[in-house]
């Protein structure tokens, strides 16, 4: 007869040895859950269920690093980056004037007028 053990059989498959820190790092590079799962040779649902917090922290870390780089580039004098950040962060827009009154003016060239008169006289 076997001796009784105090360990309960949890059943199921053993958990894959996946590093939470590595998941966070991959997410910080912009990897999707599917790409992270592929890296660890597991199903995407494993990453979603077990590492949702790590993925979120990693993605936020990546966004922060990107903002730091953009700010550094802008503050070094990159005009296009300054404009883009102004639009994104400060709500600045390009000013475009449109006249929608319906008033239309045409300027016809002397050559066009002469050609039109010549065609009308042929009729």
PDB file of N, CA and C in Angstrom:
ATOM      1  N   UNK A   1       0.830  -1.159   0.000  1.00  0.00           N
ATOM      2  CA  UNK A   1       0.000   0.000   0.000  1.00  0.00           C
ATOM      3  C   UNK A   1       0.888   1.240   0.000  1.00  0.00           C
ATOM      4  N   UNK A   2       0.494   2.269  -0.723  1.00  0.00           N
ATOM      5  CA  UNK A   2       1.303   3.483  -0.792  1.00  0.00           C
ATOM      6  C   UNK A   2       1.002   4.369   0.413  1.00  0.00           C
ATOM      7  N   UNK A   3       2.003   5.105   0.795  1.00  0.00           N
ATOM      8  CA  UNK A   3       1.833   5.991   1.940  1.00  0.00           C
ATOM      9  C   UNK A   3       1.040   7.231   1.534  1.00  0.00           C
ATOM     10  N   UNK A   4       0.138   7.719   2.377  1.00  0.00           N
ATOM     11  CA  UNK A   4      -0.616   8.921   2.046  1.00  0.00           C
ATOM     12  C   UNK A   4       0.315  10.142   2.051  1.00  0.00           C
ATOM     13  N   UNK A   5       0.125  11.007   1.084  1.00  0.00           N
ATOM     14  CA  UNK A   5       0.943  12.218   1.004  1.00  0.00           C
ATOM     15  C   UNK A   5       0.064  13.424   1.277  1.00  0.00           C
ATOM     16  N   UNK A   6       0.671  14.455   1.789  1.00  0.00           N
ATOM     17  CA  UNK A   6      -0.048  15.688   2.075  1.00  0.00           C
ATOM     18  C   UNK A   6      -0.170  16.578   0.833  1.00  0.00           C
ATOM     19  N   UNK A   7       0.567  16.272  -0.200  1.00  0.00           N
ATOM     20  CA  UNK A   7       0.518  17.078  -1.426  1.00  0.00           C
ATOM     21  C   UNK A   7      -0.743  16.756  -2.200  1.00  0.00           C
ATOM     22  N   UNK A   8      -1.426  17.810  -2.604  1.00  0.00           N
ATOM     23  CA  UNK A   8      -2.598  17.611  -3.449  1.00  0.00           C
ATOM     24  C   UNK A   8      -2.158  17.663  -4.898  1.00  0.00           C
ATOM     25  N   UNK A   9      -2.746  16.819  -5.675  1.00  0.00           N
ATOM     26  CA  UNK A   9      -2.460  16.826  -7.098  1.00  0.00           C
ATOM     27  C   UNK A   9      -3.277  17.955  -7.732  1.00  0.00           C
ATOM     28  N   UNK A  10      -2.592  18.995  -8.188  1.00  0.00           N
ATOM     29  CA  UNK A  10      -3.281  20.125  -8.784  1.00  0.00           C
ATOM     30  C   UNK A  10      -3.803  19.781 -10.174  1.00  0.00           C
ATOM     31  N   UNK A  11      -3.245  18.807 -10.780  1.00  0.00           N
ATOM     32  CA  UNK A  11      -3.661  18.421 -12.124  1.00  0.00           C
ATOM     33  C   UNK A  11      -3.217  19.441 -13.155  1.00  0.00           C
ATOM     34  N   UNK A  12      -3.497  19.138 -14.395  1.00  0.00           N
ATOM     35  CA  UNK A  12      -3.140  20.059 -15.465  1.00  0.00           C
ATOM     36  C   UNK A  12      -1.680  19.982 -15.845  1.00  0.00           C
ATOM     37  N   UNK A  13      -1.362  20.751 -16.815  1.00  0.00           N
ATOM     38  CA  UNK A  13      -0.015  20.779 -17.353  1.00  0.00           C
ATOM     39  C   UNK A  13       0.858  21.706 -16.510  1.00  0.00           C
ATOM     40  N   UNK A  14       2.117  21.372 -16.333  1.00  0.00           N
ATOM     41  CA  UNK A  14       3.000  22.270 -15.580  1.00  0.00           C
ATOM     42  C   UNK A  14       3.185  23.596 -16.326  1.00  0.00           C
ATOM     43  N   UNK A  15       3.339  24.683 -15.580  1.00  0.00           N
ATOM     44  CA  UNK A  15       3.504  25.999 -16.187  1.00  0.00           C
ATOM     45  C   UNK A  15       4.847  26.085 -16.904  1.00  0.00           C
ATOM     46  N   UNK A  16       4.824  26.765 -18.028  1.00  0.00           N
ATOM     47  CA  UNK A  16       6.055  26.990 -18.774  1.00  0.00           C
ATOM     48  C   UNK A  16       6.927  27.982 -18.019  1.00  0.00           C
ATOM     49  N   UNK A  17       8.238  27.769 -18.044  1.00  0.00           N
ATOM     50  CA  UNK A  17       9.127  28.712 -17.342  1.00  0.00           C
ATOM     51  C   UNK A  17       9.329  29.970 -18.202  1.00  0.00           C
ATOM     52  N   UNK A  18       8.485  30.964 -17.993  1.00  0.00           N
ATOM     53  CA  UNK A  18       8.550  32.206 -18.754  1.00  0.00           C
ATOM     54  C   UNK A  18       8.912  33.331 -17.791  1.00  0.00           C
ATOM     55  N   UNK A  19       9.912  34.093 -18.142  1.00  0.00           N
ATOM     56  CA  UNK A  19      10.379  35.189 -17.295  1.00  0.00           C
ATOM     57  C   UNK A  19       9.479  36.410 -17.459  1.00  0.00           C
ATOM     58  N   UNK A  20       8.899  36.863 -16.365  1.00  0.00           N
ATOM     59  CA  UNK A  20       8.030  38.036 -16.387  1.00  0.00           C
ATOM     60  C   UNK A  20       8.814  39.272 -16.823  1.00  0.00           C
ATOM     61  N   UNK A  21      10.080  39.357 -16.414  1.00  0.00           N
ATOM     62  CA  UNK A  21      10.917  40.504 -16.786  1.00  0.00           C
ATOM     63  C   UNK A  21      11.191  40.503 -18.296  1.00  0.00           C
ATOM     64  N   UNK A  22      11.382  39.317 -18.859  1.00  0.00           N
ATOM     65  CA  UNK A  22      11.616  39.220 -20.295  1.00  0.00           C
ATOM     66  C   UNK A  22      10.349  39.585 -21.082  1.00  0.00           C
ATOM     67  N   UNK A  23       9.187  39.201 -20.564  1.00  0.00           N
ATOM     68  CA  UNK A  23       7.913  39.574 -21.201  1.00  0.00           C
ATOM     69  C   UNK A  23       7.788  41.095 -21.207  1.00  0.00           C
ATOM     70  N   UNK A  24       8.095  41.719 -20.082  1.00  0.00           N
ATOM     71  CA  UNK A  24       8.027  43.181 -19.965  1.00  0.00           C
ATOM     72  C   UNK A  24       8.979  43.849 -20.956  1.00  0.00           C
ATOM     73  N   UNK A  25      10.174  43.312 -21.077  1.00  0.00           N
ATOM     74  CA  UNK A  25      11.166  43.882 -21.993  1.00  0.00           C
ATOM     75  C   UNK A  25      10.700  43.775 -23.444  1.00  0.00           C
ATOM     76  N   UNK A  26      10.182  42.633 -23.837  1.00  0.00           N
ATOM     77  CA  UNK A  26       9.687  42.448 -25.202  1.00  0.00           C
ATOM     78  C   UNK A  26       8.525  43.394 -25.484  1.00  0.00           C
ATOM     79  N   UNK A  27       7.637  43.558 -24.511  1.00  0.00           N
ATOM     80  CA  UNK A  27       6.503  44.468 -24.680  1.00  0.00           C
ATOM     81  C   UNK A  27       6.989  45.909 -24.816  1.00  0.00           C
ATOM     82  N   UNK A  28       8.069  46.257 -24.125  1.00  0.00           N
ATOM     83  CA  UNK A  28       8.600  47.623 -24.203  1.00  0.00           C
ATOM     84  C   UNK A  28       9.169  47.922 -25.589  1.00  0.00           C
ATOM     85  N   UNK A  29       9.532  46.890 -26.329  1.00  0.00           N
ATOM     86  CA  UNK A  29      10.020  47.066 -27.703  1.00  0.00           C
ATOM     87  C   UNK A  29       8.871  47.169 -28.697  1.00  0.00           C
ATOM     88  N   UNK A  30       7.636  47.024 -28.204  1.00  0.00           N
ATOM     89  CA  UNK A  30       6.471  47.136 -29.072  1.00  0.00           C
ATOM     90  C   UNK A  30       5.965  45.803 -29.595  1.00  0.00           C
ATOM     91  N   UNK A  31       6.464  44.690 -29.059  1.00  0.00           N
ATOM     92  CA  UNK A  31       6.009  43.371 -29.501  1.00  0.00           C
ATOM     93  C   UNK A  31       4.556  43.145 -29.068  1.00  0.00           C
ATOM     94  N   UNK A  32       3.795  42.522 -29.940  1.00  0.00           N
ATOM     95  CA  UNK A  32       2.406  42.182 -29.621  1.00  0.00           C
ATOM     96  C   UNK A  32       2.386  40.928 -28.738  1.00  0.00           C
ATOM     97  N   UNK A  33       1.227  40.630 -28.171  1.00  0.00           N
ATOM     98  CA  UNK A  33       1.092  39.404 -27.369  1.00  0.00           C
ATOM     99  C   UNK A  33       1.430  38.178 -28.212  1.00  0.00           C
ATOM    100  N   UNK A  34       1.012  38.186 -29.459  1.00  0.00           N
ATOM    101  CA  UNK A  34       1.302  37.062 -30.349  1.00  0.00           C
ATOM    102  C   UNK A  34       2.793  36.882 -30.593  1.00  0.00           C
ATOM    103  N   UNK A  35       3.502  38.000 -30.767  1.00  0.00           N
ATOM    104  CA  UNK A  35       4.953  37.928 -30.985  1.00  0.00           C
ATOM    105  C   UNK A  35       5.675  37.453 -29.735  1.00  0.00           C
ATOM    106  N   UNK A  36       5.216  37.903 -28.579  1.00  0.00           N
ATOM    107  CA  UNK A  36       5.820  37.456 -27.315  1.00  0.00           C
ATOM    108  C   UNK A  36       5.568  35.964 -27.119  1.00  0.00           C
ATOM    109  N   UNK A  37       4.348  35.534 -27.406  1.00  0.00           N
ATOM    110  CA  UNK A  37       4.004  34.113 -27.285  1.00  0.00           C
ATOM    111  C   UNK A  37       4.862  33.272 -28.225  1.00  0.00           C
ATOM    112  N   UNK A  38       5.062  33.762 -29.432  1.00  0.00           N
ATOM    113  CA  UNK A  38       5.888  33.048 -30.400  1.00  0.00           C
ATOM    114  C   UNK A  38       7.330  32.933 -29.897  1.00  0.00           C
ATOM    115  N   UNK A  39       7.835  33.984 -29.279  1.00  0.00           N
ATOM    116  CA  UNK A  39       9.194  33.977 -28.726  1.00  0.00           C
ATOM    117  C   UNK A  39       9.364  32.869 -27.692  1.00  0.00           C
ATOM    118  N   UNK A  40       8.340  32.679 -26.845  1.00  0.00           N
ATOM    119  CA  UNK A  40       8.402  31.669 -25.783  1.00  0.00           C
ATOM    120  C   UNK A  40       7.813  30.320 -26.202  1.00  0.00           C
ATOM    121  N   UNK A  41       7.397  30.209 -27.455  1.00  0.00           N
ATOM    122  CA  UNK A  41       6.787  28.969 -27.980  1.00  0.00           C
ATOM    123  C   UNK A  41       5.595  28.539 -27.137  1.00  0.00           C
ATOM    124  N   UNK A  42       4.686  29.465 -26.906  1.00  0.00           N
ATOM    125  CA  UNK A  42       3.482  29.139 -26.157  1.00  0.00           C
ATOM    126  C   UNK A  42       2.286  29.789 -26.843  1.00  0.00           C
ATOM    127  N   UNK A  43       1.120  29.537 -26.327  1.00  0.00           N
ATOM    128  CA  UNK A  43      -0.085  30.121 -26.882  1.00  0.00           C
ATOM    129  C   UNK A  43      -0.233  31.565 -26.396  1.00  0.00           C
ATOM    130  N   UNK A  44      -0.828  32.392 -27.215  1.00  0.00           N
ATOM    131  CA  UNK A  44      -1.029  33.802 -26.877  1.00  0.00           C
ATOM    132  C   UNK A  44      -1.855  33.970 -25.601  1.00  0.00           C
ATOM    133  N   UNK A  45      -2.781  33.047 -25.367  1.00  0.00           N
ATOM    134  CA  UNK A  45      -3.627  33.146 -24.163  1.00  0.00           C
ATOM    135  C   UNK A  45      -2.801  33.030 -22.882  1.00  0.00           C
ATOM    136  N   UNK A  46      -1.680  32.317 -22.931  1.00  0.00           N
ATOM    137  CA  UNK A  46      -0.801  32.207 -21.759  1.00  0.00           C
ATOM    138  C   UNK A  46      -0.252  33.592 -21.405  1.00  0.00           C
ATOM    139  N   UNK A  47       0.169  34.319 -22.421  1.00  0.00           N
ATOM    140  CA  UNK A  47       0.713  35.671 -22.194  1.00  0.00           C
ATOM    141  C   UNK A  47      -0.392  36.587 -21.681  1.00  0.00           C
ATOM    142  N   UNK A  48      -1.570  36.515 -22.297  1.00  0.00           N
ATOM    143  CA  UNK A  48      -2.685  37.373 -21.862  1.00  0.00           C
ATOM    144  C   UNK A  48      -3.084  37.099 -20.420  1.00  0.00           C
ATOM    145  N   UNK A  49      -3.196  35.825 -20.061  1.00  0.00           N
ATOM    146  CA  UNK A  49      -3.684  35.465 -18.719  1.00  0.00           C
ATOM    147  C   UNK A  49      -2.635  35.675 -17.630  1.00  0.00           C
ATOM    148  N   UNK A  50      -1.433  35.167 -17.851  1.00  0.00           N
ATOM    149  CA  UNK A  50      -0.419  35.180 -16.794  1.00  0.00           C
ATOM    150  C   UNK A  50       0.393  36.464 -16.714  1.00  0.00           C
ATOM    151  N   UNK A  51       0.503  37.183 -17.838  1.00  0.00           N
ATOM    152  CA  UNK A  51       1.446  38.300 -17.870  1.00  0.00           C
ATOM    153  C   UNK A  51       0.827  39.614 -18.318  1.00  0.00           C
ATOM    154  N   UNK A  52      -0.470  39.782 -18.138  1.00  0.00           N
ATOM    155  CA  UNK A  52      -1.140  41.010 -18.581  1.00  0.00           C
ATOM    156  C   UNK A  52      -0.519  42.251 -17.938  1.00  0.00           C
ATOM    157  N   UNK A  53      -0.203  42.173 -16.664  1.00  0.00           N
ATOM    158  CA  UNK A  53       0.376  43.314 -15.943  1.00  0.00           C
ATOM    159  C   UNK A  53       1.761  43.639 -16.498  1.00  0.00           C
ATOM    160  N   UNK A  54       2.565  42.596 -16.744  1.00  0.00           N
ATOM    161  CA  UNK A  54       3.912  42.805 -17.270  1.00  0.00           C
ATOM    162  C   UNK A  54       3.882  43.391 -18.675  1.00  0.00           C
ATOM    163  N   UNK A  55       2.934  42.940 -19.496  1.00  0.00           N
ATOM    164  CA  UNK A  55       2.805  43.472 -20.856  1.00  0.00           C
ATOM    165  C   UNK A  55       2.435  44.948 -20.790  1.00  0.00           C
ATOM    166  N   UNK A  56       1.486  45.288 -19.935  1.00  0.00           N
ATOM    167  CA  UNK A  56       1.055  46.683 -19.813  1.00  0.00           C
ATOM    168  C   UNK A  56       2.198  47.575 -19.332  1.00  0.00           C
ATOM    169  N   UNK A  57       2.935  47.123 -18.317  1.00  0.00           N
ATOM    170  CA  UNK A  57       4.076  47.897 -17.824  1.00  0.00           C
ATOM    171  C   UNK A  57       5.128  48.065 -18.915  1.00  0.00           C
ATOM    172  N   UNK A  58       5.379  47.016 -19.665  1.00  0.00           N
ATOM    173  CA  UNK A  58       6.375  47.070 -20.732  1.00  0.00           C
ATOM    174  C   UNK A  58       5.981  48.040 -21.838  1.00  0.00           C
ATOM    175  N   UNK A  59       4.721  47.989 -22.254  1.00  0.00           N
ATOM    176  CA  UNK A  59       4.253  48.897 -23.304  1.00  0.00           C
ATOM    177  C   UNK A  59       4.339  50.347 -22.840  1.00  0.00           C
ATOM    178  N   UNK A  60       3.970  50.606 -21.585  1.00  0.00           N
ATOM    179  CA  UNK A  60       4.075  51.962 -21.047  1.00  0.00           C
ATOM    180  C   UNK A  60       5.527  52.425 -20.971  1.00  0.00           C
ATOM    181  N   UNK A  61       6.426  51.524 -20.610  1.00  0.00           N
ATOM    182  CA  UNK A  61       7.846  51.850 -20.562  1.00  0.00           C
ATOM    183  C   UNK A  61       8.353  52.219 -21.960  1.00  0.00           C
ATOM    184  N   UNK A  62       7.934  51.471 -22.965  1.00  0.00           N
ATOM    185  CA  UNK A  62       8.336  51.756 -24.343  1.00  0.00           C
ATOM    186  C   UNK A  62       7.835  53.126 -24.799  1.00  0.00           C
ATOM    187  N   UNK A  63       6.594  53.460 -24.445  1.00  0.00           N
ATOM    188  CA  UNK A  63       6.036  54.769 -24.809  1.00  0.00           C
ATOM    189  C   UNK A  63       6.819  55.893 -24.141  1.00  0.00           C
ATOM    190  N   UNK A  64       7.177  55.682 -22.884  1.00  0.00           N
ATOM    191  CA  UNK A  64       7.931  56.694 -22.149  1.00  0.00           C
ATOM    192  C   UNK A  64       9.296  56.925 -22.787  1.00  0.00           C
ATOM    193  N   UNK A  65       9.994  55.851 -23.126  1.00  0.00           N
ATOM    194  CA  UNK A  65      11.307  55.984 -23.772  1.00  0.00           C
ATOM    195  C   UNK A  65      11.198  56.703 -25.111  1.00  0.00           C
ATOM    196  N   UNK A  66      10.153  56.374 -25.878  1.00  0.00           N
ATOM    197  CA  UNK A  66       9.955  57.017 -27.170  1.00  0.00           C
ATOM    198  C   UNK A  66       9.699  58.517 -26.993  1.00  0.00           C
ATOM    199  N   UNK A  67       8.869  58.879 -26.026  1.00  0.00           N
ATOM    200  CA  UNK A  67       8.607  60.303 -25.763  1.00  0.00           C
ATOM    201  C   UNK A  67       9.886  61.036 -25.361  1.00  0.00           C
ATOM    202  N   UNK A  68      10.721  60.380 -24.552  1.00  0.00           N
ATOM    203  CA  UNK A  68      11.982  61.004 -24.137  1.00  0.00           C
ATOM    204  C   UNK A  68      12.860  61.291 -25.351  1.00  0.00           C
ATOM    205  N   UNK A  69      12.952  60.324 -26.259  1.00  0.00           N
ATOM    206  CA  UNK A  69      13.773  60.507 -27.468  1.00  0.00           C
ATOM    207  C   UNK A  69      13.195  61.603 -28.353  1.00  0.00           C
ATOM    208  N   UNK A  70      11.873  61.612 -28.528  1.00  0.00           N
ATOM    209  CA  UNK A  70      11.241  62.644 -29.354  1.00  0.00           C
ATOM    210  C   UNK A  70      11.493  64.026 -28.762  1.00  0.00           C
ATOM    211  N   UNK A  71      11.375  64.145 -27.468  1.00  0.00           N
ATOM    212  CA  UNK A  71      11.586  65.421 -26.808  1.00  0.00           C
ATOM    213  C   UNK A  71      13.033  65.870 -26.973  1.00  0.00           C
ATOM    214  N   UNK A  72      13.970  64.939 -26.829  1.00  0.00           N
ATOM    215  CA  UNK A  72      15.383  65.279 -26.989  1.00  0.00           C
ATOM    216  C   UNK A  72      15.667  65.764 -28.412  1.00  0.00           C
ATOM    217  N   UNK A  73      15.100  65.075 -29.402  1.00  0.00           N
ATOM    218  CA  UNK A  73      15.292  65.475 -30.802  1.00  0.00           C
ATOM    219  C   UNK A  73      14.693  66.854 -31.038  1.00  0.00           C
ATOM    220  N   UNK A  74      13.508  67.082 -30.523  1.00  0.00           N
ATOM    221  CA  UNK A  74      12.843  68.373 -30.706  1.00  0.00           C
ATOM    222  C   UNK A  74      13.635  69.497 -30.045  1.00  0.00           C
ATOM    223  N   UNK A  75      14.092  69.267 -28.833  1.00  0.00           N
ATOM    224  CA  UNK A  75      14.808  70.308 -28.101  1.00  0.00           C
ATOM    225  C   UNK A  75      16.204  70.560 -28.653  1.00  0.00           C
ATOM    226  N   UNK A  76      16.700  69.655 -29.493  1.00  0.00           N
ATOM    227  CA  UNK A  76      17.970  69.883 -30.189  1.00  0.00           C
ATOM    228  C   UNK A  76      17.774  70.694 -31.462  1.00  0.00           C
ATOM    229  N   UNK A  77      16.526  71.113 -31.729  1.00  0.00           N
ATOM    230  CA  UNK A  77      16.282  72.023 -32.844  1.00  0.00           C
ATOM    231  C   UNK A  77      15.630  71.414 -34.065  1.00  0.00           C
ATOM    232  N   UNK A  78      15.172  70.198 -34.004  1.00  0.00           N
ATOM    233  CA  UNK A  78      14.498  69.595 -35.147  1.00  0.00           C
ATOM    234  C   UNK A  78      13.113  70.228 -35.286  1.00  0.00           C
ATOM    235  N   UNK A  79      12.957  71.089 -36.279  1.00  0.00           N
ATOM    236  CA  UNK A  79      11.738  71.877 -36.433  1.00  0.00           C
ATOM    237  C   UNK A  79      10.515  70.997 -36.675  1.00  0.00           C
ATOM    238  N   UNK A  80      10.648  69.998 -37.529  1.00  0.00           N
ATOM    239  CA  UNK A  80       9.483  69.155 -37.821  1.00  0.00           C
ATOM    240  C   UNK A  80       9.035  68.397 -36.573  1.00  0.00           C
ATOM    241  N   UNK A  81       9.976  67.978 -35.735  1.00  0.00           N
ATOM    242  CA  UNK A  81       9.610  67.289 -34.501  1.00  0.00           C
ATOM    243  C   UNK A  81       8.942  68.264 -33.527  1.00  0.00           C
ATOM    244  N   UNK A  82       9.433  69.506 -33.474  1.00  0.00           N
ATOM    245  CA  UNK A  82       8.794  70.515 -32.626  1.00  0.00           C
ATOM    246  C   UNK A  82       7.349  70.748 -33.052  1.00  0.00           C
ATOM    247  N   UNK A  83       7.126  70.851 -34.357  1.00  0.00           N
ATOM    248  CA  UNK A  83       5.768  71.066 -34.875  1.00  0.00           C
ATOM    249  C   UNK A  83       4.883  69.872 -34.551  1.00  0.00           C
ATOM    250  N   UNK A  84       5.392  68.669 -34.801  1.00  0.00           N
ATOM    251  CA  UNK A  84       4.602  67.459 -34.566  1.00  0.00           C
ATOM    252  C   UNK A  84       4.240  67.324 -33.084  1.00  0.00           C
ATOM    253  N   UNK A  85       5.226  67.523 -32.202  1.00  0.00           N
ATOM    254  CA  UNK A  85       4.939  67.417 -30.767  1.00  0.00           C
ATOM    255  C   UNK A  85       3.967  68.500 -30.315  1.00  0.00           C
ATOM    256  N   UNK A  86       4.088  69.691 -30.891  1.00  0.00           N
ATOM    257  CA  UNK A  86       3.147  70.756 -30.568  1.00  0.00           C
ATOM    258  C   UNK A  86       1.730  70.368 -30.926  1.00  0.00           C
ATOM    259  N   UNK A  87       1.569  69.723 -32.069  1.00  0.00           N
ATOM    260  CA  UNK A  87       0.232  69.274 -32.490  1.00  0.00           C
ATOM    261  C   UNK A  87      -0.274  68.152 -31.596  1.00  0.00           C
ATOM    262  N   UNK A  88       0.592  67.213 -31.253  1.00  0.00           N
ATOM    263  CA  UNK A  88       0.176  66.050 -30.468  1.00  0.00           C
ATOM    264  C   UNK A  88      -0.072  66.386 -29.004  1.00  0.00           C
ATOM    265  N   UNK A  89       0.830  67.142 -28.418  1.00  0.00           N
ATOM    266  CA  UNK A  89       0.773  67.352 -26.978  1.00  0.00           C
ATOM    267  C   UNK A  89       0.062  68.641 -26.570  1.00  0.00           C
ATOM    268  N   UNK A  90       0.088  69.640 -27.446  1.00  0.00           N
ATOM    269  CA  UNK A  90      -0.474  70.942 -27.085  1.00  0.00           C
ATOM    270  C   UNK A  90      -1.740  71.286 -27.858  1.00  0.00           C
ATOM    271  N   UNK A  91      -2.153  70.397 -28.760  1.00  0.00           N
ATOM    272  CA  UNK A  91      -3.379  70.636 -29.523  1.00  0.00           C
ATOM    273  C   UNK A  91      -3.242  71.731 -30.569  1.00  0.00           C
ATOM    274  N   UNK A  92      -2.017  72.043 -30.961  1.00  0.00           N
ATOM    275  CA  UNK A  92      -1.815  73.078 -31.969  1.00  0.00           C
ATOM    276  C   UNK A  92      -2.217  72.544 -33.340  1.00  0.00           C
ATOM    277  N   UNK A  93      -2.691  73.437 -34.203  1.00  0.00           N
ATOM    278  CA  UNK A  93      -3.113  73.032 -35.544  1.00  0.00           C
ATOM    279  C   UNK A  93      -2.565  73.998 -36.575  1.00  0.00           C
ATOM    280  N   UNK A  94      -2.564  73.570 -37.825  1.00  0.00           N
ATOM    281  CA  UNK A  94      -2.229  74.451 -38.931  1.00  0.00           C
ATOM    282  C   UNK A  94      -3.449  75.291 -39.233  1.00  0.00           C
ATOM    283  N   UNK A  95      -3.238  76.557 -39.521  1.00  0.00           N
ATOM    284  CA  UNK A  95      -4.356  77.436 -39.837  1.00  0.00           C
ATOM    285  C   UNK A  95      -4.579  77.399 -41.346  1.00  0.00           C
ATOM    286  N   UNK A  96      -5.795  77.094 -41.731  1.00  0.00           N
ATOM    287  CA  UNK A  96      -6.152  77.054 -43.140  1.00  0.00           C
ATOM    288  C   UNK A  96      -7.366  77.943 -43.343  1.00  0.00           C
ATOM    289  N   UNK A  97      -7.234  78.926 -44.218  1.00  0.00           N
ATOM    290  CA  UNK A  97      -8.338  79.833 -44.507  1.00  0.00           C
ATOM    291  C   UNK A  97      -9.058  79.376 -45.761  1.00  0.00           C
ATOM    292  N   UNK A  98     -10.354  79.222 -45.647  1.00  0.00           N
ATOM    293  CA  UNK A  98     -11.185  78.874 -46.785  1.00  0.00           C
ATOM    294  C   UNK A  98     -12.285  79.916 -46.906  1.00  0.00           C
ATOM    295  N   UNK A  99     -12.497  80.411 -48.110  1.00  0.00           N
ATOM    296  CA  UNK A  99     -13.571  81.362 -48.356  1.00  0.00           C
ATOM    297  C   UNK A  99     -14.719  80.591 -48.974  1.00  0.00           C
ATOM    298  N   UNK A 100     -15.778  80.395 -48.202  1.00  0.00           N
ATOM    299  CA  UNK A 100     -16.906  79.602 -48.671  1.00  0.00           C
ATOM    300  C   UNK A 100     -18.126  80.482 -48.957  1.00  0.00           C
ATOM    301  N   UNK A 101     -17.891  81.705 -49.422  1.00  0.00           N
ATOM    302  CA  UNK A 101     -19.000  82.615 -49.682  1.00  0.00           C
ATOM    303  C   UNK A 101     -19.671  82.333 -51.016  1.00  0.00           C
ATOM    304  N   UNK A 102     -18.997  81.628 -51.880  1.00  0.00           N
ATOM    305  CA  UNK A 102     -19.573  81.313 -53.184  1.00  0.00           C
ATOM    306  C   UNK A 102     -19.190  82.316 -54.258  1.00  0.00           C
ATOM    307  N   UNK A 103     -18.472  83.346 -53.888  1.00  0.00           N
ATOM    308  CA  UNK A 103     -18.033  84.325 -54.871  1.00  0.00           C
ATOM    309  C   UNK A 103     -16.863  83.752 -55.650  1.00  0.00           C
ATOM    310  N   UNK A 104     -17.020  83.713 -56.943  1.00  0.00           N
ATOM    311  CA  UNK A 104     -15.960  83.184 -57.785  1.00  0.00           C
ATOM    312  C   UNK A 104     -15.576  84.243 -58.799  1.00  0.00           C
ATOM    313  N   UNK A 105     -14.326  84.405 -58.978  1.00  0.00           N
ATOM    314  CA  UNK A 105     -13.856  85.348 -59.990  1.00  0.00           C
ATOM    315  C   UNK A 105     -12.953  84.597 -60.945  1.00  0.00           C
ATOM    316  N   UNK A 106     -13.049  84.958 -62.190  1.00  0.00           N
ATOM    317  CA  UNK A 106     -12.229  84.331 -63.215  1.00  0.00           C
ATOM    318  C   UNK A 106     -11.383  85.403 -63.880  1.00  0.00           C
ATOM    319  N   UNK A 107     -10.189  85.070 -64.175  1.00  0.00           N
ATOM    320  CA  UNK A 107      -9.341  85.939 -64.959  1.00  0.00           C
ATOM    321  C   UNK A 107      -9.017  85.199 -66.235  1.00  0.00           C
ATOM    322  N   UNK A 108      -9.477  85.748 -67.304  1.00  0.00           N
ATOM    323  CA  UNK A 108      -9.246  85.112 -68.598  1.00  0.00           C
ATOM    324  C   UNK A 108      -8.085  85.806 -69.285  1.00  0.00           C
ATOM    325  N   UNK A 109      -7.268  85.026 -69.905  1.00  0.00           N
ATOM    326  CA  UNK A 109      -6.132  85.609 -70.602  1.00  0.00           C
ATOM    327  C   UNK A 109      -6.589  86.189 -71.938  1.00  0.00           C
ATOM    328  N   UNK A 110      -5.827  87.150 -72.425  1.00  0.00           N
ATOM    329  CA  UNK A 110      -6.124  87.774 -73.718  1.00  0.00           C
ATOM    330  C   UNK A 110      -6.112  86.722 -74.824  1.00  0.00           C
ATOM    331  N   UNK A 111      -5.221  85.763 -74.702  1.00  0.00           N
ATOM    332  CA  UNK A 111      -5.088  84.705 -75.717  1.00  0.00           C
ATOM    333  C   UNK A 111      -6.359  83.860 -75.750  1.00  0.00           C
ATOM    334  N   UNK A 112      -6.902  83.510 -74.562  1.00  0.00           N
ATOM    335  CA  UNK A 112      -8.116  82.697 -74.497  1.00  0.00           C
ATOM    336  C   UNK A 112      -9.307  83.462 -75.071  1.00  0.00           C
ATOM    337  N   UNK A 113      -9.419  84.750 -74.745  1.00  0.00           N
ATOM    338  CA  UNK A 113     -10.531  85.565 -75.241  1.00  0.00           C
ATOM    339  C   UNK A 113     -10.474  85.659 -76.758  1.00  0.00           C
ATOM    340  N   UNK A 114      -9.297  85.896 -77.310  1.00  0.00           N
ATOM    341  CA  UNK A 114      -9.138  85.998 -78.764  1.00  0.00           C
ATOM    342  C   UNK A 114      -9.482  84.675 -79.432  1.00  0.00           C
ATOM    343  N   UNK A 115      -9.081  83.573 -78.844  1.00  0.00           N
ATOM    344  CA  UNK A 115      -9.369  82.250 -79.407  1.00  0.00           C
ATOM    345  C   UNK A 115     -10.866  81.974 -79.379  1.00  0.00           C
ATOM    346  N   UNK A 116     -11.545  82.334 -78.296  1.00  0.00           N
ATOM    347  CA  UNK A 116     -12.986  82.127 -78.172  1.00  0.00           C
ATOM    348  C   UNK A 116     -13.741  82.948 -79.200  1.00  0.00           C
ATOM    349  N   UNK A 117     -13.345  84.205 -79.391  1.00  0.00           N
ATOM    350  CA  UNK A 117     -14.010  85.062 -80.374  1.00  0.00           C
ATOM    351  C   UNK A 117     -13.806  84.518 -81.781  1.00  0.00           C
ATOM    352  N   UNK A 118     -12.629  83.989 -82.050  1.00  0.00           N
ATOM    353  CA  UNK A 118     -12.322  83.433 -83.373  1.00  0.00           C
ATOM    354  C   UNK A 118     -13.210  82.215 -83.645  1.00  0.00           C
ATOM    355  N   UNK A 119     -13.406  81.351 -82.646  1.00  0.00           N
ATOM    356  CA  UNK A 119     -14.246  80.168 -82.804  1.00  0.00           C
ATOM    357  C   UNK A 119     -15.716  80.553 -82.973  1.00  0.00           C
ATOM    358  N   UNK A 120     -16.164  81.596 -82.295  1.00  0.00           N
ATOM    359  CA  UNK A 120     -17.550  82.028 -82.401  1.00  0.00           C
ATOM    360  C   UNK A 120     -17.827  82.639 -83.786  1.00  0.00           C
ATOM    361  N   UNK A 121     -16.853  83.298 -84.349  1.00  0.00           N
ATOM    362  CA  UNK A 121     -17.045  83.942 -85.648  1.00  0.00           C
ATOM    363  C   UNK A 121     -17.095  82.904 -86.770  1.00  0.00           C
ATOM    364  N   UNK A 122     -16.537  81.719 -86.571  1.00  0.00           N
ATOM    365  CA  UNK A 122     -16.555  80.657 -87.576  1.00  0.00           C
ATOM    366  C   UNK A 122     -17.931  80.025 -87.685  1.00  0.00           C
ATOM    367  N   UNK A 123     -18.736  80.158 -86.665  1.00  0.00           N
ATOM    368  CA  UNK A 123     -20.048  79.481 -86.644  1.00  0.00           C
ATOM    369  C   UNK A 123     -21.005  80.139 -87.522  1.00  0.00           C
TER     370      UNK A 123
END
